[in-house]
Amino acid sequence: MFNEEIELGNLIETNEFGEVIQTMVYEKRLANRLDDNRSEFYEGASSGLRPELTFEINGFEYNDEEFVRFPITTGTVYTIIRAAKRGEMRELTVSAHSKGDVSG
């Protein structure tokens, strides 16, 4: 059913010897890459967001992650800007991530 492998991730902060260390932690998921919904992408662009891709995953596999890495072989990191619930599925709309290195 699913045709793409993505990684969902969160930035985890730990304290080591009084210094805050940020680490990206990813988990692999199977997903469908959906066709662009032009009206959603136009609305996002007009409000300052730059939606680029949309993925569909099982709803129970989404745990409020903030990032998607796709394709996982090249490590391109995207920020999840919308995680719409569609029945038992989640549609994750993502935009290119621009805050520093979160490659993990």
Protein backbone atom coordinates (compact mmCIF):
# COMPACT_ATOMS: atom_id res chain seq x y z
CA MET A 1 0.00 0.00 0.00
CA PHE A 2 2.72 2.52 0.91
CA ASN A 3 5.30 3.36 -1.74
CA GLU A 4 7.90 5.59 0.00
CA GLU A 5 10.16 5.30 3.02
CA ILE A 6 10.49 8.46 5.13
CA GLU A 7 11.90 9.25 8.52
CA LEU A 8 9.99 11.26 11.14
CA GLY A 9 12.10 13.11 13.69
CA ASN A 10 12.23 15.35 16.72
CA LEU A 11 14.99 17.48 18.14
CA ILE A 12 15.93 16.12 21.59
CA GLU A 13 17.84 18.25 24.10
CA THR A 14 20.07 16.66 26.72
CA ASN A 15 22.32 18.21 29.33
CA GLU A 16 25.87 16.90 29.49
CA PHE A 17 28.29 18.48 31.95
CA GLY A 18 26.19 21.65 32.07
CA GLU A 19 26.06 22.00 28.29
CA VAL A 20 22.87 21.57 26.26
CA ILE A 21 23.32 19.10 23.42
CA GLN A 22 20.72 18.93 20.64
CA THR A 23 20.31 15.67 18.75
CA MET A 24 17.88 14.77 16.00
CA VAL A 25 16.24 11.38 16.56
CA TYR A 26 14.51 9.73 13.58
CA GLU A 27 12.27 6.71 13.12
CA LYS A 28 11.52 5.13 9.74
CA ARG A 29 7.95 5.03 8.46
CA LEU A 30 6.27 3.88 5.27
CA ALA A 31 4.26 6.56 3.49
CA ASN A 32 2.51 7.53 0.30
CA ARG A 33 3.66 10.68 -1.44
CA LEU A 34 0.49 12.54 -2.42
CA ASP A 35 -0.08 14.76 -5.41
CA ASP A 36 0.11 18.46 -4.66
CA ASN A 37 -3.19 19.98 -3.59
CA ARG A 38 -2.81 23.23 -5.51
CA SER A 39 -5.30 25.24 -3.41
CA GLU A 40 -3.54 24.23 -0.16
CA PHE A 41 -0.15 25.06 -1.61
CA TYR A 42 -1.39 28.44 -2.90
CA GLU A 43 -2.98 29.28 0.47
CA GLY A 44 0.20 28.26 2.29
CA ALA A 45 2.37 30.38 0.04
CA SER A 46 0.10 33.40 0.49
CA SER A 47 0.41 33.12 4.30
CA GLY A 48 4.21 32.94 4.20
CA LEU A 49 4.56 29.15 4.34
CA ARG A 50 6.26 27.24 1.54
CA PRO A 51 4.63 23.82 1.38
CA GLU A 52 6.63 21.49 -0.84
CA LEU A 53 5.51 17.89 -0.34
CA THR A 54 2.66 15.96 1.25
CA PHE A 55 2.91 12.45 2.68
CA GLU A 56 0.22 10.12 3.98
CA ILE A 57 1.00 7.77 6.89
CA ASN A 58 -1.00 5.67 9.33
CA GLY A 59 -2.38 7.99 11.99
CA PHE A 60 -1.22 5.77 14.84
CA GLU A 61 2.39 6.12 13.63
CA TYR A 62 2.42 9.92 14.04
CA ASN A 63 3.51 11.12 17.48
CA ASP A 64 3.68 14.90 16.99
CA GLU A 65 7.05 14.71 15.24
CA GLU A 66 8.32 18.01 13.85
CA PHE A 67 10.52 16.90 10.96
CA VAL A 68 10.58 14.58 7.94
CA ARG A 69 13.74 13.37 6.22
CA PHE A 70 13.11 12.37 2.58
CA PRO A 71 14.53 10.72 0.68
CA ILE A 72 16.30 9.12 3.57
CA THR A 73 19.32 8.31 1.39
CA THR A 74 20.11 12.00 0.75
CA GLY A 75 19.04 13.36 4.12
CA THR A 76 16.93 16.31 2.94
CA VAL A 77 15.15 17.60 6.07
CA TYR A 78 11.69 19.17 5.96
CA THR A 79 9.62 20.80 8.70
CA ILE A 80 6.09 19.48 9.18
CA ILE A 81 3.85 22.53 8.80
CA ARG A 82 0.55 20.65 8.88
CA ALA A 83 -0.49 17.18 10.08
CA ALA A 84 -4.12 16.85 9.01
CA LYS A 85 -6.06 13.84 10.25
CA ARG A 86 -8.00 12.09 7.46
CA GLY A 87 -9.89 9.19 9.00
CA GLU A 88 -7.28 6.72 10.20
CA MET A 89 -4.53 8.45 8.20
CA ARG A 90 -2.42 11.58 8.63
CA GLU A 91 -1.44 13.90 5.80
CA LEU A 92 1.90 15.53 6.57
CA THR A 93 2.52 18.71 4.59
CA VAL A 94 6.18 19.70 4.74
CA SER A 95 8.37 22.67 3.91
CA ALA A 96 12.16 22.86 3.49
CA HIS A 97 13.83 23.22 6.88
CA SER A 98 16.04 26.27 7.33
CA LYS A 99 17.13 26.37 10.99
CA GLY A 100 20.71 25.13 11.23
CA ASP A 101 21.84 21.54 10.81
CA VAL A 102 19.32 18.94 11.91
CA SER A 103 20.74 16.08 9.91
CA GLY A 104 21.09 13.86 12.96
